[in-house]
């Protein structure tokens, strides 16, 4: 790309896109050992998940990818909103219920991983492995 490291000190959005691409790549590689697939989710309400990790047995994880720790709360709100839409769907469509995500993950460049009180896992990219 011909960019110097100092470029990213001023253009964090570009660095965020590159970090997201790196995370998606890693999720695809590590999940392939489990025959998993990674997709993107965007709905008519404007809600999205940066990645959805699908396993062959039907389990899935919703993943938000955020470069900094300061955006974890916003990412968590997105994940919880998506889960609340599943609840609403299941209440109004009891004949065709959707399964709930097995995991809700915020994948970050943070130093430490932890489980929040709301059940969302905050996982540093450096903790991913097959």
N, C-alpha and C. Protein backbone atom coordinates (compact mmCIF):
# COMPACT_ATOMS: atom_id res chain seq x y z
N UNK A 1 0.82 -1.20 0.00
CA UNK A 1 0.00 0.00 0.00
C UNK A 1 0.86 1.26 0.00
N UNK A 2 2.11 1.12 0.35
CA UNK A 2 3.01 2.26 0.32
C UNK A 2 2.75 3.27 1.42
N UNK A 3 2.17 2.84 2.53
CA UNK A 3 1.85 3.74 3.63
C UNK A 3 2.85 3.56 4.76
N UNK A 4 3.16 4.65 5.41
CA UNK A 4 4.07 4.57 6.55
C UNK A 4 3.27 4.35 7.83
N UNK A 5 3.89 3.85 8.89
CA UNK A 5 3.19 3.67 10.17
C UNK A 5 2.59 4.97 10.71
N UNK A 6 3.22 6.10 10.42
CA UNK A 6 2.69 7.37 10.93
C UNK A 6 1.36 7.73 10.28
N UNK A 7 1.11 7.22 9.07
CA UNK A 7 -0.17 7.47 8.41
C UNK A 7 -1.33 6.99 9.29
N UNK A 8 -1.15 5.84 9.92
CA UNK A 8 -2.23 5.26 10.72
C UNK A 8 -2.44 5.99 12.04
N UNK A 9 -1.49 6.82 12.44
CA UNK A 9 -1.69 7.64 13.64
C UNK A 9 -2.73 8.72 13.41
N UNK A 10 -2.98 9.06 12.17
CA UNK A 10 -3.96 10.11 11.86
C UNK A 10 -5.23 9.58 11.22
N UNK A 11 -5.19 8.42 10.62
CA UNK A 11 -6.35 7.87 9.92
C UNK A 11 -6.72 6.53 10.57
N UNK A 12 -7.37 6.62 11.73
CA UNK A 12 -7.70 5.42 12.48
C UNK A 12 -8.75 4.56 11.77
N UNK A 13 -9.62 5.19 10.99
CA UNK A 13 -10.67 4.42 10.33
C UNK A 13 -10.07 3.40 9.36
N UNK A 14 -9.05 3.81 8.63
CA UNK A 14 -8.38 2.89 7.71
C UNK A 14 -7.73 1.75 8.48
N UNK A 15 -7.09 2.08 9.58
CA UNK A 15 -6.49 1.05 10.41
C UNK A 15 -7.55 0.08 10.93
N UNK A 16 -8.72 0.61 11.28
CA UNK A 16 -9.83 -0.23 11.74
C UNK A 16 -10.28 -1.19 10.66
N UNK A 17 -10.37 -0.73 9.41
CA UNK A 17 -10.76 -1.61 8.30
C UNK A 17 -9.71 -2.71 8.08
N UNK A 18 -8.45 -2.34 8.17
CA UNK A 18 -7.39 -3.34 8.02
C UNK A 18 -7.43 -4.36 9.15
N UNK A 19 -7.68 -3.88 10.38
CA UNK A 19 -7.78 -4.78 11.52
C UNK A 19 -8.96 -5.74 11.35
N UNK A 20 -10.09 -5.21 10.87
CA UNK A 20 -11.26 -6.05 10.64
C UNK A 20 -10.96 -7.13 9.60
N UNK A 21 -10.26 -6.77 8.54
CA UNK A 21 -9.90 -7.74 7.51
C UNK A 21 -8.99 -8.83 8.08
N UNK A 22 -8.05 -8.43 8.92
CA UNK A 22 -7.16 -9.39 9.56
C UNK A 22 -7.95 -10.36 10.44
N UNK A 23 -8.89 -9.83 11.20
CA UNK A 23 -9.71 -10.67 12.08
C UNK A 23 -10.57 -11.65 11.29
N UNK A 24 -11.18 -11.18 10.21
CA UNK A 24 -12.01 -12.05 9.37
C UNK A 24 -11.14 -13.16 8.79
N UNK A 25 -9.96 -12.80 8.32
CA UNK A 25 -9.05 -13.81 7.77
C UNK A 25 -8.72 -14.86 8.83
N UNK A 26 -8.38 -14.40 10.04
CA UNK A 26 -8.04 -15.35 11.11
C UNK A 26 -9.24 -16.21 11.49
N UNK A 27 -10.42 -15.63 11.57
CA UNK A 27 -11.61 -16.42 11.89
C UNK A 27 -11.84 -17.50 10.84
N UNK A 28 -11.67 -17.16 9.58
CA UNK A 28 -11.85 -18.14 8.51
C UNK A 28 -10.84 -19.27 8.60
N UNK A 29 -9.60 -18.92 8.86
CA UNK A 29 -8.54 -19.94 8.94
C UNK A 29 -8.78 -20.87 10.12
N UNK A 30 -8.99 -20.29 11.31
CA UNK A 30 -9.12 -21.11 12.51
C UNK A 30 -10.42 -21.91 12.53
N UNK A 31 -11.49 -21.36 11.98
CA UNK A 31 -12.75 -22.09 11.99
C UNK A 31 -12.78 -23.19 10.93
N UNK A 32 -11.92 -23.10 9.93
CA UNK A 32 -11.92 -24.11 8.87
C UNK A 32 -11.54 -25.49 9.43
N UNK A 33 -10.77 -25.53 10.51
CA UNK A 33 -10.41 -26.81 11.14
C UNK A 33 -11.65 -27.51 11.70
N UNK A 34 -12.68 -26.72 12.01
CA UNK A 34 -13.94 -27.26 12.53
C UNK A 34 -15.01 -27.32 11.44
N UNK A 35 -14.58 -27.11 10.20
CA UNK A 35 -15.49 -27.00 9.06
C UNK A 35 -16.51 -25.89 9.24
N UNK A 36 -16.06 -24.83 9.89
CA UNK A 36 -16.92 -23.67 10.09
C UNK A 36 -16.83 -22.71 8.92
N UNK A 37 -17.81 -21.84 8.87
CA UNK A 37 -17.86 -20.81 7.83
C UNK A 37 -18.07 -19.46 8.48
N UNK A 38 -17.56 -18.43 7.83
CA UNK A 38 -17.71 -17.08 8.33
C UNK A 38 -18.49 -16.27 7.30
N UNK A 39 -19.50 -15.54 7.78
CA UNK A 39 -20.28 -14.68 6.89
C UNK A 39 -20.46 -13.32 7.55
N UNK A 40 -21.11 -12.44 6.84
CA UNK A 40 -21.40 -11.09 7.30
C UNK A 40 -22.91 -10.98 7.43
N UNK A 41 -23.39 -10.19 8.40
CA UNK A 41 -24.83 -10.03 8.58
C UNK A 41 -25.19 -8.55 8.53
N UNK A 42 -26.19 -8.23 7.73
CA UNK A 42 -26.76 -6.87 7.66
C UNK A 42 -28.24 -7.03 7.37
N UNK A 43 -29.09 -6.35 8.15
CA UNK A 43 -30.52 -6.52 7.94
C UNK A 43 -31.19 -5.22 7.53
N UNK A 44 -32.47 -5.32 7.29
CA UNK A 44 -33.25 -4.16 6.82
C UNK A 44 -33.37 -3.06 7.86
N UNK A 45 -33.07 -3.38 9.12
CA UNK A 45 -33.13 -2.38 10.18
C UNK A 45 -31.81 -1.62 10.31
N UNK A 46 -30.82 -2.00 9.51
CA UNK A 46 -29.52 -1.36 9.58
C UNK A 46 -28.60 -2.00 10.61
N UNK A 47 -29.06 -3.08 11.24
CA UNK A 47 -28.20 -3.77 12.19
C UNK A 47 -27.24 -4.68 11.43
N UNK A 48 -26.06 -4.83 11.98
CA UNK A 48 -25.08 -5.69 11.33
C UNK A 48 -24.24 -6.39 12.37
N UNK A 49 -23.62 -7.45 11.94
CA UNK A 49 -22.58 -8.12 12.71
C UNK A 49 -21.40 -8.23 11.75
N UNK A 50 -20.23 -7.84 12.22
CA UNK A 50 -19.06 -7.87 11.35
C UNK A 50 -18.78 -9.28 10.85
N UNK A 51 -19.08 -10.27 11.70
CA UNK A 51 -18.88 -11.66 11.29
C UNK A 51 -19.89 -12.54 12.02
N UNK A 52 -20.30 -13.58 11.34
CA UNK A 52 -21.10 -14.64 11.95
C UNK A 52 -20.35 -15.92 11.67
N UNK A 53 -19.96 -16.59 12.74
CA UNK A 53 -19.22 -17.83 12.63
C UNK A 53 -20.22 -18.98 12.75
N UNK A 54 -20.38 -19.76 11.67
CA UNK A 54 -21.34 -20.87 11.61
C UNK A 54 -20.60 -22.20 11.73
N UNK A 55 -21.10 -23.08 12.57
CA UNK A 55 -20.56 -24.44 12.63
C UNK A 55 -21.58 -25.40 12.03
N UNK A 56 -21.10 -26.54 11.57
CA UNK A 56 -21.95 -27.51 10.86
C UNK A 56 -23.09 -28.03 11.72
N UNK A 57 -22.93 -28.04 13.04
CA UNK A 57 -23.98 -28.55 13.92
C UNK A 57 -25.08 -27.53 14.23
N UNK A 58 -25.02 -26.36 13.59
CA UNK A 58 -26.06 -25.35 13.76
C UNK A 58 -25.72 -24.26 14.75
N UNK A 59 -24.69 -24.45 15.54
CA UNK A 59 -24.29 -23.39 16.46
C UNK A 59 -23.67 -22.24 15.69
N UNK A 60 -23.82 -21.04 16.24
CA UNK A 60 -23.21 -19.89 15.61
C UNK A 60 -22.85 -18.83 16.64
N UNK A 61 -21.91 -17.99 16.27
CA UNK A 61 -21.47 -16.89 17.12
C UNK A 61 -21.61 -15.60 16.33
N UNK A 62 -22.12 -14.58 17.00
CA UNK A 62 -22.15 -13.23 16.43
C UNK A 62 -20.88 -12.53 16.88
N UNK A 63 -20.19 -11.89 15.94
CA UNK A 63 -18.91 -11.27 16.24
C UNK A 63 -18.90 -9.82 15.77
N UNK A 64 -18.54 -8.93 16.68
CA UNK A 64 -18.25 -7.55 16.34
C UNK A 64 -16.75 -7.36 16.47
N UNK A 65 -16.15 -6.66 15.55
CA UNK A 65 -14.71 -6.47 15.54
C UNK A 65 -14.42 -4.99 15.78
N UNK A 66 -13.70 -4.72 16.86
CA UNK A 66 -13.38 -3.34 17.22
C UNK A 66 -11.91 -3.25 17.59
N UNK A 67 -11.25 -2.27 17.04
CA UNK A 67 -9.83 -2.09 17.27
C UNK A 67 -9.52 -1.68 18.71
N UNK A 68 -10.30 -0.77 19.26
CA UNK A 68 -9.99 -0.24 20.58
C UNK A 68 -10.95 -0.67 21.66
N UNK A 69 -10.48 -0.66 22.88
CA UNK A 69 -11.28 -1.00 24.05
C UNK A 69 -12.43 -0.01 24.25
N UNK A 70 -12.25 1.22 23.80
CA UNK A 70 -13.27 2.25 24.02
C UNK A 70 -14.56 1.99 23.26
N UNK A 71 -14.55 1.12 22.26
CA UNK A 71 -15.74 0.85 21.46
C UNK A 71 -16.42 -0.47 21.82
N UNK A 72 -15.94 -1.13 22.86
CA UNK A 72 -16.51 -2.42 23.27
C UNK A 72 -17.97 -2.28 23.69
N UNK A 73 -18.30 -1.22 24.43
CA UNK A 73 -19.69 -1.04 24.87
C UNK A 73 -20.63 -0.86 23.69
N UNK A 74 -20.22 -0.09 22.70
CA UNK A 74 -21.05 0.12 21.51
C UNK A 74 -21.24 -1.21 20.76
N UNK A 75 -20.17 -1.96 20.62
CA UNK A 75 -20.24 -3.26 19.93
C UNK A 75 -21.16 -4.21 20.68
N UNK A 76 -21.07 -4.19 22.00
CA UNK A 76 -21.92 -5.06 22.83
C UNK A 76 -23.39 -4.70 22.64
N UNK A 77 -23.70 -3.42 22.58
CA UNK A 77 -25.10 -3.00 22.37
C UNK A 77 -25.62 -3.55 21.05
N UNK A 78 -24.79 -3.54 20.00
CA UNK A 78 -25.21 -4.10 18.70
C UNK A 78 -25.53 -5.58 18.82
N UNK A 79 -24.65 -6.32 19.48
CA UNK A 79 -24.86 -7.76 19.63
C UNK A 79 -26.13 -8.06 20.43
N UNK A 80 -26.33 -7.32 21.51
CA UNK A 80 -27.52 -7.54 22.33
C UNK A 80 -28.80 -7.14 21.60
N UNK A 81 -28.72 -6.13 20.76
CA UNK A 81 -29.88 -5.71 19.96
C UNK A 81 -30.23 -6.81 18.95
N UNK A 82 -29.23 -7.39 18.33
CA UNK A 82 -29.49 -8.50 17.40
C UNK A 82 -30.16 -9.66 18.12
N UNK A 83 -29.68 -9.98 19.32
CA UNK A 83 -30.28 -11.06 20.08
C UNK A 83 -31.72 -10.73 20.47
N UNK A 84 -32.00 -9.46 20.79
CA UNK A 84 -33.37 -9.08 21.14
C UNK A 84 -34.31 -9.20 19.94
N UNK A 85 -33.80 -8.99 18.73
CA UNK A 85 -34.62 -9.18 17.53
C UNK A 85 -34.97 -10.66 17.34
N UNK A 86 -34.07 -11.54 17.73
CA UNK A 86 -34.36 -12.97 17.66
C UNK A 86 -35.48 -13.30 18.64
N UNK A 87 -35.41 -12.73 19.84
CA UNK A 87 -36.48 -12.93 20.84
C UNK A 87 -37.81 -12.47 20.28
N UNK A 88 -37.84 -11.27 19.68
CA UNK A 88 -39.08 -10.73 19.10
C UNK A 88 -39.59 -11.64 17.99
N UNK A 89 -38.69 -12.09 17.14
CA UNK A 89 -39.09 -12.99 16.05
C UNK A 89 -39.72 -14.27 16.61
N UNK A 90 -39.08 -14.85 17.61
CA UNK A 90 -39.57 -16.11 18.17
C UNK A 90 -40.91 -15.94 18.87
N UNK A 91 -41.17 -14.77 19.43
CA UNK A 91 -42.46 -14.52 20.06
C UNK A 91 -43.58 -14.42 19.03
N UNK A 92 -43.27 -13.85 17.89
CA UNK A 92 -44.31 -13.66 16.88
C UNK A 92 -44.34 -14.78 15.82
N UNK A 93 -43.34 -15.63 15.79
CA UNK A 93 -43.27 -16.72 14.82
C UNK A 93 -42.92 -18.03 15.54
N UNK A 94 -43.78 -18.44 16.41
CA UNK A 94 -43.48 -19.62 17.23
C UNK A 94 -43.35 -20.91 16.41
N UNK A 95 -43.92 -20.93 15.21
CA UNK A 95 -43.81 -22.11 14.36
C UNK A 95 -42.46 -22.23 13.68
N UNK A 96 -41.78 -21.10 13.54
CA UNK A 96 -40.47 -21.08 12.87
C UNK A 96 -39.45 -20.30 13.71
N UNK A 97 -39.14 -20.79 14.90
CA UNK A 97 -38.23 -20.03 15.76
C UNK A 97 -36.79 -20.07 15.23
N UNK A 98 -36.08 -19.03 15.53
CA UNK A 98 -34.66 -18.95 15.20
C UNK A 98 -33.86 -19.37 16.43
N UNK A 99 -32.72 -19.99 16.21
CA UNK A 99 -31.87 -20.36 17.34
C UNK A 99 -31.09 -19.12 17.80
N UNK A 100 -30.73 -19.15 19.05
CA UNK A 100 -29.96 -18.05 19.62
C UNK A 100 -28.48 -18.28 19.39
N UNK A 101 -27.71 -17.20 19.31
CA UNK A 101 -26.27 -17.40 19.15
C UNK A 101 -25.68 -18.11 20.36
N UNK A 102 -24.78 -19.04 20.10
CA UNK A 102 -24.09 -19.73 21.18
C UNK A 102 -23.16 -18.78 21.90
N UNK A 103 -22.54 -17.90 21.13
CA UNK A 103 -21.63 -16.91 21.69
C UNK A 103 -21.89 -15.55 21.05
N UNK A 104 -21.66 -14.53 21.84
CA UNK A 104 -21.62 -13.16 21.35
C UNK A 104 -20.22 -12.65 21.70
N UNK A 105 -19.47 -12.25 20.67
CA UNK A 105 -18.05 -11.94 20.85
C UNK A 105 -17.73 -10.55 20.32
N UNK A 106 -16.95 -9.81 21.08
CA UNK A 106 -16.31 -8.60 20.58
C UNK A 106 -14.83 -8.95 20.45
N UNK A 107 -14.35 -8.99 19.23
CA UNK A 107 -12.96 -9.32 18.93
C UNK A 107 -12.18 -8.01 18.86
N UNK A 108 -11.13 -7.89 19.67
CA UNK A 108 -10.43 -6.61 19.77
C UNK A 108 -8.91 -6.78 19.68
N UNK A 109 -8.25 -5.64 19.71
CA UNK A 109 -6.79 -5.61 19.82
C UNK A 109 -6.39 -5.37 21.27
N UNK A 110 -7.35 -5.45 22.18
CA UNK A 110 -7.07 -5.20 23.60
C UNK A 110 -6.10 -6.25 24.15
N UNK A 111 -5.57 -5.95 25.31
CA UNK A 111 -4.57 -6.82 25.93
C UNK A 111 -5.19 -8.02 26.63
N UNK A 112 -6.36 -7.83 27.24
CA UNK A 112 -6.96 -8.87 28.07
C UNK A 112 -8.35 -9.26 27.56
N UNK A 113 -8.68 -10.53 27.73
CA UNK A 113 -10.00 -11.02 27.41
C UNK A 113 -10.80 -11.22 28.69
N UNK A 114 -12.11 -11.12 28.57
CA UNK A 114 -12.97 -11.31 29.73
C UNK A 114 -14.41 -11.53 29.28
N UNK A 115 -15.21 -12.03 30.22
CA UNK A 115 -16.63 -12.22 29.97
C UNK A 115 -17.37 -11.13 30.74
N UNK A 116 -18.19 -10.38 30.03
CA UNK A 116 -18.96 -9.31 30.65
C UNK A 116 -20.17 -9.89 31.37
N UNK A 117 -20.74 -9.09 32.25
CA UNK A 117 -21.93 -9.53 33.00
C UNK A 117 -23.10 -9.86 32.09
N UNK A 118 -23.17 -9.21 30.92
CA UNK A 118 -24.27 -9.47 29.98
C UNK A 118 -24.00 -10.70 29.11
N UNK A 119 -22.90 -11.41 29.37
CA UNK A 119 -22.60 -12.64 28.65
C UNK A 119 -21.73 -12.48 27.41
N UNK A 120 -21.45 -11.25 27.02
CA UNK A 120 -20.63 -11.01 25.84
C UNK A 120 -19.16 -11.26 26.19
N UNK A 121 -18.49 -11.99 25.31
CA UNK A 121 -17.06 -12.26 25.50
C UNK A 121 -16.24 -11.20 24.76
N UNK A 122 -15.29 -10.63 25.44
CA UNK A 122 -14.34 -9.70 24.81
C UNK A 122 -13.04 -10.48 24.66
N UNK A 123 -12.64 -10.70 23.41
CA UNK A 123 -11.51 -11.58 23.12
C UNK A 123 -10.46 -10.84 22.29
N UNK A 124 -9.23 -10.80 22.78
CA UNK A 124 -8.15 -10.22 21.97
C UNK A 124 -7.85 -11.12 20.77
N UNK A 125 -7.53 -10.53 19.66
CA UNK A 125 -7.21 -11.30 18.46
C UNK A 125 -6.05 -12.25 18.71
N UNK A 126 -5.16 -11.88 19.62
CA UNK A 126 -3.99 -12.72 19.90
C UNK A 126 -4.38 -14.01 20.63
N UNK A 127 -5.61 -14.12 21.08
CA UNK A 127 -6.06 -15.35 21.77
C UNK A 127 -6.68 -16.36 20.81
N UNK A 128 -6.89 -15.98 19.56
CA UNK A 128 -7.49 -16.92 18.61
C UNK A 128 -6.49 -18.01 18.26
N UNK A 129 -7.00 -19.22 18.17
CA UNK A 129 -6.20 -20.35 17.71
C UNK A 129 -7.14 -21.42 17.21
N UNK A 130 -6.59 -22.37 16.49
CA UNK A 130 -7.45 -23.43 15.96
C UNK A 130 -7.75 -24.48 17.01
